[in-house]
PDB file of N, CA and C in Angstrom:
ATOM      1  N   UNK A   1      75.928 128.307 120.113  1.00  0.00           N
ATOM      2  CA  UNK A   1      77.092 129.065 119.529  1.00  0.00           C
ATOM      3  C   UNK A   1      78.500 128.874 119.971  1.00  0.00           C
ATOM      4  N   UNK A   2      78.473 129.025 121.355  1.00  0.00           N
ATOM      5  CA  UNK A   2      79.870 128.969 121.941  1.00  0.00           C
ATOM      6  C   UNK A   2      79.773 127.344 122.189  1.00  0.00           C
ATOM      7  N   UNK A   3      79.467 126.250 122.603  1.00  0.00           N
ATOM      8  CA  UNK A   3      79.622 125.209 122.099  1.00  0.00           C
ATOM      9  C   UNK A   3      80.638 124.925 121.076  1.00  0.00           C
ATOM     10  N   UNK A   4      79.656 125.376 119.642  1.00  0.00           N
ATOM     11  CA  UNK A   4      80.432 125.026 118.945  1.00  0.00           C
ATOM     12  C   UNK A   4      81.805 125.951 118.564  1.00  0.00           C
ATOM     13  N   UNK A   5      82.162 126.866 119.037  1.00  0.00           N
ATOM     14  CA  UNK A   5      83.223 127.531 119.196  1.00  0.00           C
ATOM     15  C   UNK A   5      84.363 126.264 120.205  1.00  0.00           C
ATOM     16  N   UNK A   6      84.093 125.931 121.251  1.00  0.00           N
ATOM     17  CA  UNK A   6      84.793 125.389 122.426  1.00  0.00           C
ATOM     18  C   UNK A   6      85.047 124.175 121.161  1.00  0.00           C
ATOM     19  N   UNK A   7      84.153 123.286 120.337  1.00  0.00           N
ATOM     20  CA  UNK A   7      84.502 122.184 119.835  1.00  0.00           C
ATOM     21  C   UNK A   7      85.069 122.095 118.840  1.00  0.00           C
ATOM     22  N   UNK A   8      85.319 123.494 118.158  1.00  0.00           N
ATOM     23  CA  UNK A   8      86.153 123.682 117.615  1.00  0.00           C
ATOM     24  C   UNK A   8      87.584 123.637 117.710  1.00  0.00           C
ATOM     25  N   UNK A   9      87.700 124.565 118.823  1.00  0.00           N
ATOM     26  CA  UNK A   9      89.043 124.829 119.325  1.00  0.00           C
ATOM     27  C   UNK A   9      89.663 123.509 119.892  1.00  0.00           C
ATOM     28  N   UNK A  10      88.565 123.011 120.419  1.00  0.00           N
ATOM     29  CA  UNK A  10      89.272 121.265 121.182  1.00  0.00           C
ATOM     30  C   UNK A  10      89.853 120.829 119.904  1.00  0.00           C
ATOM     31  N   UNK A  11      88.822 120.825 119.058  1.00  0.00           N
ATOM     32  CA  UNK A  11      89.305 119.864 117.503  1.00  0.00           C
ATOM     33  C   UNK A  11      91.006 120.199 117.441  1.00  0.00           C
ATOM     34  N   UNK A  12      91.275 121.458 117.438  1.00  0.00           N
ATOM     35  CA  UNK A  12      92.419 122.506 117.087  1.00  0.00           C
ATOM     36  C   UNK A  12      92.983 121.362 117.645  1.00  0.00           C
ATOM     37  N   UNK A  13      92.725 121.807 119.057  1.00  0.00           N
ATOM     38  CA  UNK A  13      94.290 121.419 120.183  1.00  0.00           C
ATOM     39  C   UNK A  13      94.613 120.169 120.021  1.00  0.00           C
ATOM     40  N   UNK A  14      93.145 119.169 120.129  1.00  0.00           N
ATOM     41  CA  UNK A  14      93.924 118.093 119.388  1.00  0.00           C
ATOM     42  C   UNK A  14      94.717 117.748 117.567  1.00  0.00           C
ATOM     43  N   UNK A  15      94.410 118.195 117.518  1.00  0.00           N
ATOM     44  CA  UNK A  15      95.389 117.995 116.117  1.00  0.00           C
ATOM     45  C   UNK A  15      96.871 118.485 116.365  1.00  0.00           C
ATOM     46  N   UNK A  16      96.855 119.765 116.986  1.00  0.00           N
ATOM     47  CA  UNK A  16      97.979 120.217 117.265  1.00  0.00           C
ATOM     48  C   UNK A  16      98.760 119.383 118.078  1.00  0.00           C
ATOM     49  N   UNK A  17      98.320 118.533 119.079  1.00  0.00           N
ATOM     50  CA  UNK A  17      98.682 117.665 120.341  1.00  0.00           C
ATOM     51  C   UNK A  17      99.200 116.350 119.400  1.00  0.00           C
ATOM     52  N   UNK A  18      98.526 116.132 118.274  1.00  0.00           N
ATOM     53  CA  UNK A  18      98.463 114.951 117.420  1.00  0.00           C
ATOM     54  C   UNK A  18      99.920 114.705 116.560  1.00  0.00           C
ATOM     55  N   UNK A  19      99.812 116.403 116.221  1.00  0.00           N
ATOM     56  CA  UNK A  19     101.246 116.458 115.109  1.00  0.00           C
ATOM     57  C   UNK A  19     102.686 116.694 116.053  1.00  0.00           C
ATOM     58  N   UNK A  20     102.517 117.159 117.045  1.00  0.00           N
ATOM     59  CA  UNK A  20     103.900 117.337 118.058  1.00  0.00           C
ATOM     60  C   UNK A  20     103.929 115.595 118.183  1.00  0.00           C
ATOM     61  N   UNK A  21     102.971 115.006 118.994  1.00  0.00           N
ATOM     62  CA  UNK A  21     102.958 113.377 118.688  1.00  0.00           C
ATOM     63  C   UNK A  21     103.507 112.807 117.928  1.00  0.00           C
ATOM     64  N   UNK A  22     103.327 112.803 116.733  1.00  0.00           N
ATOM     65  CA  UNK A  22     103.942 112.453 115.436  1.00  0.00           C
ATOM     66  C   UNK A  22     105.206 112.778 115.451  1.00  0.00           C
ATOM     67  N   UNK A  23     105.708 113.944 115.541  1.00  0.00           N
ATOM     68  CA  UNK A  23     107.155 114.412 115.336  1.00  0.00           C
ATOM     69  C   UNK A  23     108.286 114.257 116.406  1.00  0.00           C
ATOM     70  N   UNK A  24     108.155 114.007 117.635  1.00  0.00           N
ATOM     71  CA  UNK A  24     108.253 113.633 118.492  1.00  0.00           C
ATOM     72  C   UNK A  24     108.567 111.714 118.405  1.00  0.00           C
ATOM     73  N   UNK A  25     107.824 111.102 117.779  1.00  0.00           N
ATOM     74  CA  UNK A  25     107.895 109.436 118.008  1.00  0.00           C
ATOM     75  C   UNK A  25     109.452 108.968 117.208  1.00  0.00           C
ATOM     76  N   UNK A  26     109.796 107.886 117.889  1.00  0.00           N
ATOM     77  CA  UNK A  26     111.205 107.485 117.560  1.00  0.00           C
ATOM     78  C   UNK A  26     110.242 106.140 116.541  1.00  0.00           C
ATOM     79  N   UNK A  27     109.676 105.726 116.645  1.00  0.00           N
ATOM     80  CA  UNK A  27     108.543 104.381 116.358  1.00  0.00           C
ATOM     81  C   UNK A  27     108.103 104.559 115.106  1.00  0.00           C
ATOM     82  N   UNK A  28     108.333 104.837 113.643  1.00  0.00           N
ATOM     83  CA  UNK A  28     107.357 105.132 112.387  1.00  0.00           C
ATOM     84  C   UNK A  28     106.001 105.026 112.489  1.00  0.00           C
ATOM     85  N   UNK A  29     105.944 103.531 113.359  1.00  0.00           N
ATOM     86  CA  UNK A  29     104.215 102.831 113.098  1.00  0.00           C
ATOM     87  C   UNK A  29     103.517 104.117 113.607  1.00  0.00           C
ATOM     88  N   UNK A  30     104.225 104.432 114.777  1.00  0.00           N
ATOM     89  CA  UNK A  30     103.248 105.281 115.519  1.00  0.00           C
ATOM     90  C   UNK A  30     103.331 106.660 115.235  1.00  0.00           C
ATOM     91  N   UNK A  31     104.063 107.028 114.710  1.00  0.00           N
ATOM     92  CA  UNK A  31     104.129 108.401 114.037  1.00  0.00           C
ATOM     93  C   UNK A  31     103.201 108.444 112.974  1.00  0.00           C
ATOM     94  N   UNK A  32     102.816 107.266 111.992  1.00  0.00           N
ATOM     95  CA  UNK A  32     101.995 107.454 111.027  1.00  0.00           C
ATOM     96  C   UNK A  32     100.597 107.423 111.799  1.00  0.00           C
ATOM     97  N   UNK A  33     100.232 106.520 112.827  1.00  0.00           N
ATOM     98  CA  UNK A  33      99.222 106.882 113.206  1.00  0.00           C
ATOM     99  C   UNK A  33      98.859 108.025 113.686  1.00  0.00           C
ATOM    100  N   UNK A  34      99.855 108.612 114.684  1.00  0.00           N
ATOM    101  CA  UNK A  34      99.827 110.387 115.110  1.00  0.00           C
ATOM    102  C   UNK A  34      99.156 111.114 113.698  1.00  0.00           C
ATOM    103  N   UNK A  35      99.848 110.801 112.434  1.00  0.00           N
ATOM    104  CA  UNK A  35      99.737 111.643 111.397  1.00  0.00           C
ATOM    105  C   UNK A  35      97.639 110.921 110.649  1.00  0.00           C
ATOM    106  N   UNK A  36      97.588 109.471 110.758  1.00  0.00           N
ATOM    107  CA  UNK A  36      95.932 109.684 110.620  1.00  0.00           C
ATOM    108  C   UNK A  36      95.483 110.398 111.665  1.00  0.00           C
ATOM    109  N   UNK A  37      95.903 110.444 113.092  1.00  0.00           N
ATOM    110  CA  UNK A  37      94.717 111.205 113.896  1.00  0.00           C
ATOM    111  C   UNK A  37      94.929 112.385 113.429  1.00  0.00           C
ATOM    112  N   UNK A  38      95.800 112.984 112.645  1.00  0.00           N
ATOM    113  CA  UNK A  38      95.482 114.397 112.309  1.00  0.00           C
ATOM    114  C   UNK A  38      94.253 114.655 111.112  1.00  0.00           C
ATOM    115  N   UNK A  39      94.789 113.473 110.210  1.00  0.00           N
ATOM    116  CA  UNK A  39      93.968 113.888 109.200  1.00  0.00           C
ATOM    117  C   UNK A  39      92.468 113.631 109.749  1.00  0.00           C
ATOM    118  N   UNK A  40      92.055 112.573 110.327  1.00  0.00           N
ATOM    119  CA  UNK A  40      91.018 112.370 110.885  1.00  0.00           C
ATOM    120  C   UNK A  40      90.420 113.679 111.713  1.00  0.00           C
ATOM    121  N   UNK A  41      91.168 114.333 112.415  1.00  0.00           N
ATOM    122  CA  UNK A  41      90.083 115.615 112.805  1.00  0.00           C
ATOM    123  C   UNK A  41      90.226 116.438 111.852  1.00  0.00           C
ATOM    124  N   UNK A  42      91.369 116.722 110.766  1.00  0.00           N
ATOM    125  CA  UNK A  42      90.984 117.651 109.648  1.00  0.00           C
ATOM    126  C   UNK A  42      89.763 117.253 109.163  1.00  0.00           C
ATOM    127  N   UNK A  43      89.717 116.342 109.019  1.00  0.00           N
ATOM    128  CA  UNK A  43      88.274 115.368 108.002  1.00  0.00           C
ATOM    129  C   UNK A  43      86.806 116.227 108.555  1.00  0.00           C
ATOM    130  N   UNK A  44      86.900 115.845 109.927  1.00  0.00           N
ATOM    131  CA  UNK A  44      85.930 116.742 111.205  1.00  0.00           C
ATOM    132  C   UNK A  44      85.810 118.049 111.057  1.00  0.00           C
ATOM    133  N   UNK A  45      86.735 118.245 111.112  1.00  0.00           N
ATOM    134  CA  UNK A  45      86.680 120.268 111.010  1.00  0.00           C
ATOM    135  C   UNK A  45      86.241 120.632 109.762  1.00  0.00           C
ATOM    136  N   UNK A  46      86.792 120.161 108.989  1.00  0.00           N
ATOM    137  CA  UNK A  46      85.895 120.245 107.138  1.00  0.00           C
ATOM    138  C   UNK A  46      84.536 120.089 107.517  1.00  0.00           C
ATOM    139  N   UNK A  47      84.071 118.775 107.797  1.00  0.00           N
ATOM    140  CA  UNK A  47      82.791 118.632 108.225  1.00  0.00           C
ATOM    141  C   UNK A  47      81.687 119.789 109.194  1.00  0.00           C
ATOM    142  N   UNK A  48      82.835 120.228 110.164  1.00  0.00           N
ATOM    143  CA  UNK A  48      81.934 121.638 111.025  1.00  0.00           C
ATOM    144  C   UNK A  48      81.808 122.811 110.397  1.00  0.00           C
ATOM    145  N   UNK A  49      82.267 122.876 109.257  1.00  0.00           N
ATOM    146  CA  UNK A  49      83.038 124.298 109.215  1.00  0.00           C
ATOM    147  C   UNK A  49      82.066 123.969 107.364  1.00  0.00           C
ATOM    148  N   UNK A  50      81.016 122.889 107.273  1.00  0.00           N
ATOM    149  CA  UNK A  50      79.935 122.841 106.194  1.00  0.00           C
ATOM    150  C   UNK A  50      81.152 122.747 104.572  1.00  0.00           C
ATOM    151  N   UNK A  51      81.799 121.766 104.610  1.00  0.00           N
ATOM    152  CA  UNK A  51      82.661 121.363 103.371  1.00  0.00           C
ATOM    153  C   UNK A  51      82.747 119.810 103.583  1.00  0.00           C
ATOM    154  N   UNK A  52      81.230 119.157 103.107  1.00  0.00           N
ATOM    155  CA  UNK A  52      81.004 117.835 103.512  1.00  0.00           C
ATOM    156  C   UNK A  52      82.062 117.175 102.128  1.00  0.00           C
ATOM    157  N   UNK A  53      82.335 117.932 100.946  1.00  0.00           N
ATOM    158  CA  UNK A  53      82.707 116.969  99.893  1.00  0.00           C
ATOM    159  C   UNK A  53      84.133 117.127 100.167  1.00  0.00           C
ATOM    160  N   UNK A  54      84.921 118.153 100.412  1.00  0.00           N
ATOM    161  CA  UNK A  54      86.391 118.376 100.985  1.00  0.00           C
ATOM    162  C   UNK A  54      86.910 117.360 102.297  1.00  0.00           C
ATOM    163  N   UNK A  55      85.925 117.025 103.362  1.00  0.00           N
ATOM    164  CA  UNK A  55      85.683 116.246 104.264  1.00  0.00           C
ATOM    165  C   UNK A  55      86.153 114.992 103.736  1.00  0.00           C
ATOM    166  N   UNK A  56      84.729 114.505 102.973  1.00  0.00           N
ATOM    167  CA  UNK A  56      85.003 112.984 102.196  1.00  0.00           C
ATOM    168  C   UNK A  56      86.762 112.875 101.701  1.00  0.00           C
ATOM    169  N   UNK A  57      87.002 113.813 101.000  1.00  0.00           N
ATOM    170  CA  UNK A  57      87.905 113.731 100.313  1.00  0.00           C
ATOM    171  C   UNK A  57      89.258 113.475 101.213  1.00  0.00           C
ATOM    172  N   UNK A  58      89.269 114.055 102.111  1.00  0.00           N
ATOM    173  CA  UNK A  58      90.502 114.318 103.378  1.00  0.00           C
ATOM    174  C   UNK A  58      90.401 113.028 103.990  1.00  0.00           C
ATOM    175  N   UNK A  59      88.796 112.527 104.510  1.00  0.00           N
ATOM    176  CA  UNK A  59      88.922 111.103 105.286  1.00  0.00           C
ATOM    177  C   UNK A  59      89.441 109.791 104.364  1.00  0.00           C
ATOM    178  N   UNK A  60      88.559 110.063 103.149  1.00  0.00           N
ATOM    179  CA  UNK A  60      89.283 108.602 102.101  1.00  0.00           C
ATOM    180  C   UNK A  60      91.123 108.654 101.791  1.00  0.00           C
ATOM    181  N   UNK A  61      91.377 109.555 101.803  1.00  0.00           N
ATOM    182  CA  UNK A  61      92.566 109.745 100.910  1.00  0.00           C
ATOM    183  C   UNK A  61      93.696 109.950 102.511  1.00  0.00           C
ATOM    184  N   UNK A  62      93.232 110.957 102.904  1.00  0.00           N
ATOM    185  CA  UNK A  62      94.400 111.377 104.139  1.00  0.00           C
ATOM    186  C   UNK A  62      94.404 110.319 105.343  1.00  0.00           C
ATOM    187  N   UNK A  63      93.149 109.918 105.650  1.00  0.00           N
ATOM    188  CA  UNK A  63      93.229 109.086 107.315  1.00  0.00           C
ATOM    189  C   UNK A  63      93.403 107.461 106.060  1.00  0.00           C
ATOM    190  N   UNK A  64      92.440 106.967 105.461  1.00  0.00           N
ATOM    191  CA  UNK A  64      92.774 105.798 104.747  1.00  0.00           C
ATOM    192  C   UNK A  64      93.691 105.107 103.871  1.00  0.00           C
ATOM    193  N   UNK A  65      94.006 105.904 102.395  1.00  0.00           N
ATOM    194  CA  UNK A  65      94.690 105.478 101.498  1.00  0.00           C
ATOM    195  C   UNK A  65      96.208 105.992 101.975  1.00  0.00           C
ATOM    196  N   UNK A  66      96.374 107.331 102.912  1.00  0.00           N
ATOM    197  CA  UNK A  66      97.866 107.428 103.093  1.00  0.00           C
ATOM    198  C   UNK A  66      98.330 106.543 104.251  1.00  0.00           C
ATOM    199  N   UNK A  67      97.587 106.588 105.070  1.00  0.00           N
ATOM    200  CA  UNK A  67      97.751 105.533 106.287  1.00  0.00           C
ATOM    201  C   UNK A  67      98.528 103.855 105.992  1.00  0.00           C
ATOM    202  N   UNK A  68      97.772 103.301 105.340  1.00  0.00           N
ATOM    203  CA  UNK A  68      97.695 102.250 104.560  1.00  0.00           C
ATOM    204  C   UNK A  68      98.863 102.419 103.817  1.00  0.00           C
ATOM    205  N   UNK A  69      99.141 103.135 103.141  1.00  0.00           N
ATOM    206  CA  UNK A  69     100.403 103.047 102.044  1.00  0.00           C
ATOM    207  C   UNK A  69     101.376 103.125 103.129  1.00  0.00           C
ATOM    208  N   UNK A  70     101.645 103.911 104.054  1.00  0.00           N
ATOM    209  CA  UNK A  70     102.665 104.148 105.123  1.00  0.00           C
ATOM    210  C   UNK A  70     103.017 102.511 105.840  1.00  0.00           C
ATOM    211  N   UNK A  71     102.179 102.588 106.069  1.00  0.00           N
ATOM    212  CA  UNK A  71     101.978 101.332 107.390  1.00  0.00           C
ATOM    213  C   UNK A  71     102.637  99.995 106.420  1.00  0.00           C
ATOM    214  N   UNK A  72     101.882  99.482 105.362  1.00  0.00           N
ATOM    215  CA  UNK A  72     102.745  98.867 104.328  1.00  0.00           C
ATOM    216  C   UNK A  72     103.731  98.416 103.945  1.00  0.00           C
ATOM    217  N   UNK A  73     104.047 100.369 103.875  1.00  0.00           N
ATOM    218  CA  UNK A  73     105.652 100.680 103.748  1.00  0.00           C
ATOM    219  C   UNK A  73     106.734 100.271 104.941  1.00  0.00           C
ATOM    220  N   UNK A  74     106.325 100.410 105.656  1.00  0.00           N
ATOM    221  CA  UNK A  74     106.928 100.425 106.770  1.00  0.00           C
ATOM    222  C   UNK A  74     107.158  98.693 107.530  1.00  0.00           C
ATOM    223  N   UNK A  75     106.121  97.890 106.968  1.00  0.00           N
ATOM    224  CA  UNK A  75     105.876  96.303 106.987  1.00  0.00           C
ATOM    225  C   UNK A  75     107.239  96.357 106.623  1.00  0.00           C
ATOM    226  N   UNK A  76     107.107  96.600 104.892  1.00  0.00           N
ATOM    227  CA  UNK A  76     108.094  96.075 103.824  1.00  0.00           C
ATOM    228  C   UNK A  76     109.488  96.524 104.313  1.00  0.00           C
ATOM    229  N   UNK A  77     109.772  97.343 105.281  1.00  0.00           N
ATOM    230  CA  UNK A  77     111.560  97.582 105.586  1.00  0.00           C
ATOM    231  C   UNK A  77     111.800  96.772 106.512  1.00  0.00           C
ATOM    232  N   UNK A  78     113.209  97.094 106.414  1.00  0.00           N
ATOM    233  CA  UNK A  78     113.626  96.307 107.856  1.00  0.00           C
ATOM    234  C   UNK A  78     113.866  97.358 108.774  1.00  0.00           C
ATOM    235  N   UNK A  79     114.279  96.848 109.880  1.00  0.00           N
ATOM    236  CA  UNK A  79     114.870  98.198 110.987  1.00  0.00           C
ATOM    237  C   UNK A  79     115.928  98.519 110.886  1.00  0.00           C
ATOM    238  N   UNK A  80     116.734  99.753 110.974  1.00  0.00           N
ATOM    239  CA  UNK A  80     117.974  99.546 110.982  1.00  0.00           C
ATOM    240  C   UNK A  80     118.247  98.759 112.631  1.00  0.00           C
ATOM    241  N   UNK A  81     117.899  99.191 113.290  1.00  0.00           N
ATOM    242  CA  UNK A  81     118.312  98.474 114.794  1.00  0.00           C
ATOM    243  C   UNK A  81     118.356  96.730 114.885  1.00  0.00           C
ATOM    244  N   UNK A  82     117.790  96.147 113.459  1.00  0.00           N
ATOM    245  CA  UNK A  82     117.469  94.949 113.781  1.00  0.00           C
ATOM    246  C   UNK A  82     118.755  94.468 112.770  1.00  0.00           C
ATOM    247  N   UNK A  83     119.165  94.899 112.074  1.00  0.00           N
ATOM    248  CA  UNK A  83     120.654  94.688 111.367  1.00  0.00           C
ATOM    249  C   UNK A  83     122.211  94.782 112.398  1.00  0.00           C
ATOM    250  N   UNK A  84     123.024  94.102 111.895  1.00  0.00           N
ATOM    251  CA  UNK A  84     123.735  94.123 112.907  1.00  0.00           C
ATOM    252  C   UNK A  84     125.151  95.136 112.252  1.00  0.00           C
ATOM    253  N   UNK A  85     125.346  95.386 113.911  1.00  0.00           N
ATOM    254  CA  UNK A  85     126.577  96.581 113.508  1.00  0.00           C
ATOM    255  C   UNK A  85     127.682  96.083 113.434  1.00  0.00           C
ATOM    256  N   UNK A  86     128.230  95.475 113.733  1.00  0.00           N
ATOM    257  CA  UNK A  86     129.422  94.795 113.119  1.00  0.00           C
ATOM    258  C   UNK A  86     129.671  93.329 112.529  1.00  0.00           C
ATOM    259  N   UNK A  87     130.193  92.646 112.175  1.00  0.00           N
ATOM    260  CA  UNK A  87     130.416  92.170 111.647  1.00  0.00           C
ATOM    261  C   UNK A  87     131.405  90.924 112.742  1.00  0.00           C
ATOM    262  N   UNK A  88     131.043  89.794 112.886  1.00  0.00           N
ATOM    263  CA  UNK A  88     131.984  88.784 113.346  1.00  0.00           C
ATOM    264  C   UNK A  88     132.778  88.464 112.528  1.00  0.00           C
ATOM    265  N   UNK A  89     134.550  87.556 113.189  1.00  0.00           N
ATOM    266  CA  UNK A  89     135.339  87.168 112.638  1.00  0.00           C
ATOM    267  C   UNK A  89     134.618  85.652 112.987  1.00  0.00           C
ATOM    268  N   UNK A  90     135.055  85.593 111.516  1.00  0.00           N
ATOM    269  CA  UNK A  90     134.885  83.825 111.269  1.00  0.00           C
ATOM    270  C   UNK A  90     135.699  83.291 110.674  1.00  0.00           C
ATOM    271  N   UNK A  91     135.746  81.723 110.482  1.00  0.00           N
ATOM    272  CA  UNK A  91     137.264  81.268 109.230  1.00  0.00           C
ATOM    273  C   UNK A  91     136.669  81.465 107.742  1.00  0.00           C
ATOM    274  N   UNK A  92     135.434  81.435 107.660  1.00  0.00           N
ATOM    275  CA  UNK A  92     134.931  81.952 105.990  1.00  0.00           C
ATOM    276  C   UNK A  92     135.036  83.086 106.112  1.00  0.00           C
ATOM    277  N   UNK A  93     135.299  84.172 106.791  1.00  0.00           N
ATOM    278  CA  UNK A  93     134.541  85.672 106.552  1.00  0.00           C
ATOM    279  C   UNK A  93     135.471  86.279 107.659  1.00  0.00           C
ATOM    280  N   UNK A  94     136.838  86.611 107.044  1.00  0.00           N
ATOM    281  CA  UNK A  94     137.733  87.518 107.758  1.00  0.00           C
ATOM    282  C   UNK A  94     137.329  88.885 107.931  1.00  0.00           C
ATOM    283  N   UNK A  95     136.940  89.873 109.075  1.00  0.00           N
ATOM    284  CA  UNK A  95     136.937  90.968 108.989  1.00  0.00           C
ATOM    285  C   UNK A  95     138.446  91.432 108.863  1.00  0.00           C
ATOM    286  N   UNK A  96     138.325  92.937 107.553  1.00  0.00           N
ATOM    287  CA  UNK A  96     139.470  93.430 106.913  1.00  0.00           C
ATOM    288  C   UNK A  96     139.403  94.485 107.623  1.00  0.00           C
TER     289      UNK A  96
END
């Protein structure tokens, strides 16, 4: 009984740590990985709390689908620091 409570408290602390990690990250890919970890821990908690249907739904949608959609979206966008912040003055393109 006490081991069960310790396991649940450990998973809750892990989830809070992953949430803090996700919020403080500057790189979006690492933030998405952190949110995927939150969903994974939450699905384990649902399983421990004897809600297997909710755990499977959270694992399928929260961990798999949402994380994959976010990663594909991040891959298809351009990072802002990769774009030039100023344009160079050339013959054909004078800066106004």
